[in-house]
Amino acid sequence: MIIYNVTVSIEEDVHDDWLNWMKTVHIPDVMATGKFVDYQICKVLSQEDKGLTYAIQYRCKDMKTLHMYQVQDAPNLQKDHGERYSGKYVAFRSLLEVVDDNRNG
């Protein structure tokens, strides 16, 4: 299992709008691609910068599926986010490979 982790630091003045938009528009659009099996939104508790930081983690079955998402879907979805919150956020992405998981027991 692969976790596609997107960490976003969002400015406080747009935080409420951003979080609502992520929950009601952006993440449902990402999930509608069919490339991910689930997701979770995590608020980062240890912060040194202004604003609020979140880690959005999407789980997919393998690197091939993730690559298809990155080529076929990510550019447009990232463009929408970038245009809506231009200058109000910083984001970076990381990949994690699950080596052990007890979610089901």
N, C-alpha and C. Protein backbone atom coordinates (compact mmCIF):
# COMPACT_ATOMS: atom_id res chain seq x y z
N MET A 1 0.86 -1.17 0.00
CA MET A 1 0.00 0.00 0.00
C MET A 1 0.90 1.23 0.00
N ILE A 2 0.51 2.25 -0.76
CA ILE A 2 1.25 3.50 -0.87
C ILE A 2 0.39 4.63 -0.29
N ILE A 3 1.01 5.48 0.50
CA ILE A 3 0.34 6.68 1.01
C ILE A 3 0.91 7.88 0.28
N TYR A 4 0.03 8.61 -0.37
CA TYR A 4 0.37 9.87 -1.02
C TYR A 4 0.00 10.96 -0.03
N ASN A 5 1.01 11.56 0.57
CA ASN A 5 0.82 12.54 1.64
C ASN A 5 0.99 13.94 1.08
N VAL A 6 -0.02 14.77 1.26
CA VAL A 6 0.04 16.17 0.83
C VAL A 6 -0.05 17.02 2.08
N THR A 7 1.03 17.75 2.38
CA THR A 7 1.07 18.62 3.54
C THR A 7 0.85 20.05 3.07
N VAL A 8 -0.13 20.70 3.67
CA VAL A 8 -0.50 22.06 3.27
C VAL A 8 -0.51 22.96 4.50
N SER A 9 0.21 24.07 4.41
CA SER A 9 0.13 25.12 5.42
C SER A 9 -0.71 26.24 4.83
N ILE A 10 -1.83 26.51 5.45
CA ILE A 10 -2.80 27.47 4.91
C ILE A 10 -2.91 28.68 5.84
N GLU A 11 -3.00 29.86 5.27
CA GLU A 11 -3.11 31.07 6.07
C GLU A 11 -4.45 31.10 6.81
N GLU A 12 -4.42 31.67 8.01
CA GLU A 12 -5.60 31.67 8.87
C GLU A 12 -6.80 32.38 8.26
N ASP A 13 -6.58 33.44 7.48
CA ASP A 13 -7.71 34.20 6.96
C ASP A 13 -8.54 33.44 5.93
N VAL A 14 -8.00 32.37 5.35
CA VAL A 14 -8.77 31.55 4.40
C VAL A 14 -8.96 30.12 4.90
N HIS A 15 -8.50 29.86 6.12
CA HIS A 15 -8.53 28.49 6.65
C HIS A 15 -9.91 27.85 6.61
N ASP A 16 -10.92 28.52 7.14
CA ASP A 16 -12.25 27.91 7.22
C ASP A 16 -12.79 27.59 5.84
N ASP A 17 -12.64 28.52 4.90
CA ASP A 17 -13.08 28.28 3.53
C ASP A 17 -12.31 27.12 2.91
N TRP A 18 -10.98 27.12 3.11
CA TRP A 18 -10.13 26.07 2.54
C TRP A 18 -10.53 24.69 3.07
N LEU A 19 -10.69 24.56 4.39
CA LEU A 19 -11.01 23.26 4.97
C LEU A 19 -12.37 22.77 4.46
N ASN A 20 -13.34 23.65 4.39
CA ASN A 20 -14.65 23.28 3.86
C ASN A 20 -14.54 22.86 2.40
N TRP A 21 -13.79 23.61 1.60
CA TRP A 21 -13.62 23.29 0.18
C TRP A 21 -12.90 21.95 0.01
N MET A 22 -11.90 21.70 0.84
CA MET A 22 -11.18 20.42 0.78
C MET A 22 -12.14 19.27 1.04
N LYS A 23 -12.98 19.41 2.07
CA LYS A 23 -13.90 18.34 2.47
C LYS A 23 -15.03 18.12 1.48
N THR A 24 -15.52 19.20 0.88
CA THR A 24 -16.73 19.10 0.05
C THR A 24 -16.47 19.08 -1.45
N VAL A 25 -15.30 19.54 -1.89
CA VAL A 25 -15.03 19.61 -3.33
C VAL A 25 -13.75 18.87 -3.70
N HIS A 26 -12.62 19.33 -3.18
CA HIS A 26 -11.33 18.82 -3.66
C HIS A 26 -11.13 17.33 -3.36
N ILE A 27 -11.27 16.95 -2.11
CA ILE A 27 -11.04 15.53 -1.77
C ILE A 27 -12.07 14.63 -2.45
N PRO A 28 -13.35 14.99 -2.50
CA PRO A 28 -14.27 14.16 -3.28
C PRO A 28 -13.87 14.04 -4.75
N ASP A 29 -13.32 15.11 -5.33
CA ASP A 29 -12.84 15.04 -6.72
C ASP A 29 -11.65 14.09 -6.85
N VAL A 30 -10.74 14.15 -5.88
CA VAL A 30 -9.58 13.24 -5.90
C VAL A 30 -10.07 11.79 -5.76
N MET A 31 -10.98 11.55 -4.84
CA MET A 31 -11.48 10.19 -4.63
C MET A 31 -12.27 9.69 -5.83
N ALA A 32 -12.94 10.59 -6.54
CA ALA A 32 -13.73 10.22 -7.72
C ALA A 32 -12.86 9.72 -8.87
N THR A 33 -11.56 9.94 -8.81
CA THR A 33 -10.67 9.41 -9.86
C THR A 33 -10.62 7.89 -9.80
N GLY A 34 -10.99 7.31 -8.66
CA GLY A 34 -10.96 5.86 -8.51
C GLY A 34 -9.57 5.30 -8.24
N LYS A 35 -8.61 6.17 -8.02
CA LYS A 35 -7.23 5.70 -7.85
C LYS A 35 -6.85 5.46 -6.39
N PHE A 36 -7.67 5.93 -5.47
CA PHE A 36 -7.35 5.80 -4.04
C PHE A 36 -8.44 5.01 -3.33
N VAL A 37 -8.04 4.25 -2.32
CA VAL A 37 -9.00 3.43 -1.58
C VAL A 37 -9.60 4.16 -0.38
N ASP A 38 -8.84 5.09 0.20
CA ASP A 38 -9.36 5.90 1.29
C ASP A 38 -8.45 7.09 1.52
N TYR A 39 -8.83 7.93 2.47
CA TYR A 39 -8.03 9.11 2.80
C TYR A 39 -8.27 9.48 4.26
N GLN A 40 -7.42 10.33 4.76
CA GLN A 40 -7.65 10.94 6.06
C GLN A 40 -7.03 12.34 6.06
N ILE A 41 -7.66 13.23 6.82
CA ILE A 41 -7.14 14.58 7.00
C ILE A 41 -6.60 14.65 8.42
N CYS A 42 -5.34 15.04 8.55
CA CYS A 42 -4.71 15.16 9.86
C CYS A 42 -4.26 16.60 10.07
N LYS A 43 -4.57 17.15 11.21
CA LYS A 43 -4.07 18.48 11.56
C LYS A 43 -2.72 18.32 12.25
N VAL A 44 -1.73 19.06 11.77
CA VAL A 44 -0.40 19.01 12.37
C VAL A 44 -0.43 19.83 13.65
N LEU A 45 -0.06 19.22 14.77
CA LEU A 45 -0.15 19.88 16.06
C LEU A 45 1.11 20.67 16.41
N SER A 46 2.26 20.21 15.96
CA SER A 46 3.50 20.94 16.23
C SER A 46 3.80 21.85 15.05
N GLN A 47 3.70 23.15 15.28
CA GLN A 47 3.87 24.11 14.21
C GLN A 47 4.84 25.20 14.62
N GLU A 48 5.62 25.65 13.64
CA GLU A 48 6.56 26.73 13.89
C GLU A 48 6.21 27.95 13.04
N ASP A 49 5.42 27.78 12.00
CA ASP A 49 5.10 28.86 11.08
C ASP A 49 3.73 29.43 11.40
N LYS A 50 3.43 30.55 10.74
CA LYS A 50 2.08 31.11 10.82
C LYS A 50 1.13 30.18 10.09
N GLY A 51 -0.14 30.36 10.33
CA GLY A 51 -1.14 29.56 9.64
C GLY A 51 -1.36 28.22 10.32
N LEU A 52 -2.12 27.39 9.65
CA LEU A 52 -2.45 26.06 10.15
C LEU A 52 -1.97 25.05 9.13
N THR A 53 -1.50 23.92 9.60
CA THR A 53 -0.93 22.91 8.70
C THR A 53 -1.70 21.60 8.82
N TYR A 54 -1.95 21.01 7.67
CA TYR A 54 -2.66 19.74 7.58
C TYR A 54 -1.87 18.77 6.70
N ALA A 55 -1.99 17.49 7.03
CA ALA A 55 -1.48 16.43 6.18
C ALA A 55 -2.69 15.64 5.69
N ILE A 56 -2.87 15.64 4.38
CA ILE A 56 -3.96 14.86 3.79
C ILE A 56 -3.31 13.61 3.21
N GLN A 57 -3.75 12.46 3.66
CA GLN A 57 -3.14 11.19 3.25
C GLN A 57 -4.13 10.36 2.46
N TYR A 58 -3.73 10.07 1.23
CA TYR A 58 -4.53 9.23 0.33
C TYR A 58 -3.82 7.90 0.20
N ARG A 59 -4.57 6.81 0.32
CA ARG A 59 -3.97 5.47 0.20
C ARG A 59 -4.35 4.84 -1.14
N CYS A 60 -3.34 4.33 -1.83
CA CYS A 60 -3.60 3.61 -3.08
C CYS A 60 -2.85 2.28 -3.05
N LYS A 61 -3.28 1.38 -3.94
CA LYS A 61 -2.77 0.01 -3.84
C LYS A 61 -1.33 -0.15 -4.28
N ASP A 62 -0.83 0.67 -5.22
CA ASP A 62 0.53 0.47 -5.70
C ASP A 62 1.05 1.72 -6.42
N MET A 63 2.34 1.70 -6.73
CA MET A 63 2.99 2.84 -7.38
C MET A 63 2.45 3.08 -8.79
N LYS A 64 2.07 2.02 -9.49
CA LYS A 64 1.52 2.18 -10.84
C LYS A 64 0.24 3.03 -10.79
N THR A 65 -0.62 2.73 -9.83
CA THR A 65 -1.86 3.48 -9.69
C THR A 65 -1.57 4.93 -9.33
N LEU A 66 -0.65 5.14 -8.43
CA LEU A 66 -0.28 6.50 -8.06
C LEU A 66 0.28 7.25 -9.26
N HIS A 67 1.13 6.61 -10.03
CA HIS A 67 1.70 7.25 -11.22
C HIS A 67 0.59 7.65 -12.20
N MET A 68 -0.38 6.78 -12.39
CA MET A 68 -1.50 7.11 -13.28
C MET A 68 -2.23 8.35 -12.77
N TYR A 69 -2.44 8.44 -11.45
CA TYR A 69 -3.08 9.63 -10.87
C TYR A 69 -2.23 10.87 -11.15
N GLN A 70 -0.94 10.77 -10.91
CA GLN A 70 -0.06 11.93 -11.08
C GLN A 70 -0.03 12.42 -12.53
N VAL A 71 -0.16 11.52 -13.48
CA VAL A 71 -0.13 11.90 -14.90
C VAL A 71 -1.51 12.34 -15.39
N GLN A 72 -2.54 11.59 -15.04
CA GLN A 72 -3.87 11.81 -15.61
C GLN A 72 -4.72 12.84 -14.86
N ASP A 73 -4.57 12.93 -13.54
CA ASP A 73 -5.52 13.70 -12.73
C ASP A 73 -4.92 14.86 -11.95
N ALA A 74 -3.75 14.65 -11.37
CA ALA A 74 -3.17 15.62 -10.45
C ALA A 74 -2.99 17.02 -11.04
N PRO A 75 -2.50 17.16 -12.29
CA PRO A 75 -2.27 18.52 -12.79
C PRO A 75 -3.51 19.42 -12.72
N ASN A 76 -4.64 18.94 -13.16
CA ASN A 76 -5.86 19.75 -13.12
C ASN A 76 -6.35 20.00 -11.70
N LEU A 77 -6.29 18.99 -10.86
CA LEU A 77 -6.74 19.15 -9.48
C LEU A 77 -5.84 20.13 -8.72
N GLN A 78 -4.53 20.04 -8.94
CA GLN A 78 -3.61 20.96 -8.28
C GLN A 78 -3.78 22.37 -8.82
N LYS A 79 -4.10 22.50 -10.10
CA LYS A 79 -4.33 23.81 -10.72
C LYS A 79 -5.54 24.48 -10.06
N ASP A 80 -6.61 23.74 -9.87
CA ASP A 80 -7.81 24.28 -9.22
C ASP A 80 -7.48 24.82 -7.82
N HIS A 81 -6.74 24.03 -7.06
CA HIS A 81 -6.35 24.43 -5.70
C HIS A 81 -5.47 25.68 -5.76
N GLY A 82 -4.50 25.66 -6.66
CA GLY A 82 -3.57 26.78 -6.77
C GLY A 82 -4.25 28.08 -7.15
N GLU A 83 -5.20 28.01 -8.06
CA GLU A 83 -5.92 29.22 -8.47
C GLU A 83 -6.82 29.74 -7.36
N ARG A 84 -7.47 28.85 -6.66
CA ARG A 84 -8.41 29.27 -5.61
C ARG A 84 -7.70 29.91 -4.41
N TYR A 85 -6.53 29.37 -4.05
CA TYR A 85 -5.83 29.84 -2.84
C TYR A 85 -4.44 30.40 -3.15
N SER A 86 -4.28 30.98 -4.29
CA SER A 86 -3.00 31.54 -4.73
C SER A 86 -2.41 32.49 -3.69
N GLY A 87 -1.15 32.23 -3.33
CA GLY A 87 -0.45 33.08 -2.37
C GLY A 87 -0.85 32.89 -0.92
N LYS A 88 -1.76 31.96 -0.66
CA LYS A 88 -2.28 31.76 0.70
C LYS A 88 -1.86 30.43 1.32
N TYR A 89 -1.05 29.67 0.62
CA TYR A 89 -0.66 28.36 1.13
C TYR A 89 0.73 27.97 0.64
N VAL A 90 1.29 26.99 1.31
CA VAL A 90 2.50 26.30 0.87
C VAL A 90 2.19 24.82 0.97
N ALA A 91 2.59 24.06 -0.05
CA ALA A 91 2.30 22.62 -0.03
C ALA A 91 3.52 21.82 -0.46
N PHE A 92 3.64 20.64 0.08
CA PHE A 92 4.63 19.69 -0.42
C PHE A 92 4.05 18.29 -0.33
N ARG A 93 4.57 17.44 -1.16
CA ARG A 93 4.06 16.07 -1.26
C ARG A 93 5.16 15.07 -0.92
N SER A 94 4.75 13.97 -0.31
CA SER A 94 5.69 12.90 -0.02
C SER A 94 4.99 11.56 -0.21
N LEU A 95 5.79 10.55 -0.45
CA LEU A 95 5.26 9.19 -0.64
C LEU A 95 5.74 8.31 0.50
N LEU A 96 4.83 7.50 1.00
CA LEU A 96 5.15 6.55 2.07
C LEU A 96 4.72 5.16 1.62
N GLU A 97 5.51 4.19 1.97
CA GLU A 97 5.13 2.80 1.71
C GLU A 97 4.76 2.16 3.03
N VAL A 98 3.58 1.59 3.10
CA VAL A 98 3.12 0.90 4.30
C VAL A 98 3.85 -0.44 4.38
N VAL A 99 4.55 -0.65 5.49
CA VAL A 99 5.26 -1.91 5.67
C VAL A 99 4.57 -2.82 6.69
N ASP A 100 3.70 -2.22 7.51
CA ASP A 100 2.91 -2.99 8.47
C ASP A 100 1.69 -2.15 8.83
N ASP A 101 0.55 -2.80 9.00
CA ASP A 101 -0.69 -2.07 9.22
C ASP A 101 -1.64 -2.95 10.01
N ASN A 102 -2.16 -2.46 11.11
CA ASN A 102 -3.12 -3.26 11.86
C ASN A 102 -4.49 -2.60 11.86
N ARG A 103 -4.83 -1.87 10.81
CA ARG A 103 -6.14 -1.22 10.71
C ARG A 103 -7.29 -2.22 10.80
N ASN A 104 -7.08 -3.40 10.33
CA ASN A 104 -8.15 -4.39 10.31
C ASN A 104 -8.01 -5.41 11.44
N GLY A 105 -7.41 -5.03 12.49
CA GLY A 105 -7.32 -5.98 13.60
C GLY A 105 -6.12 -5.78 14.35
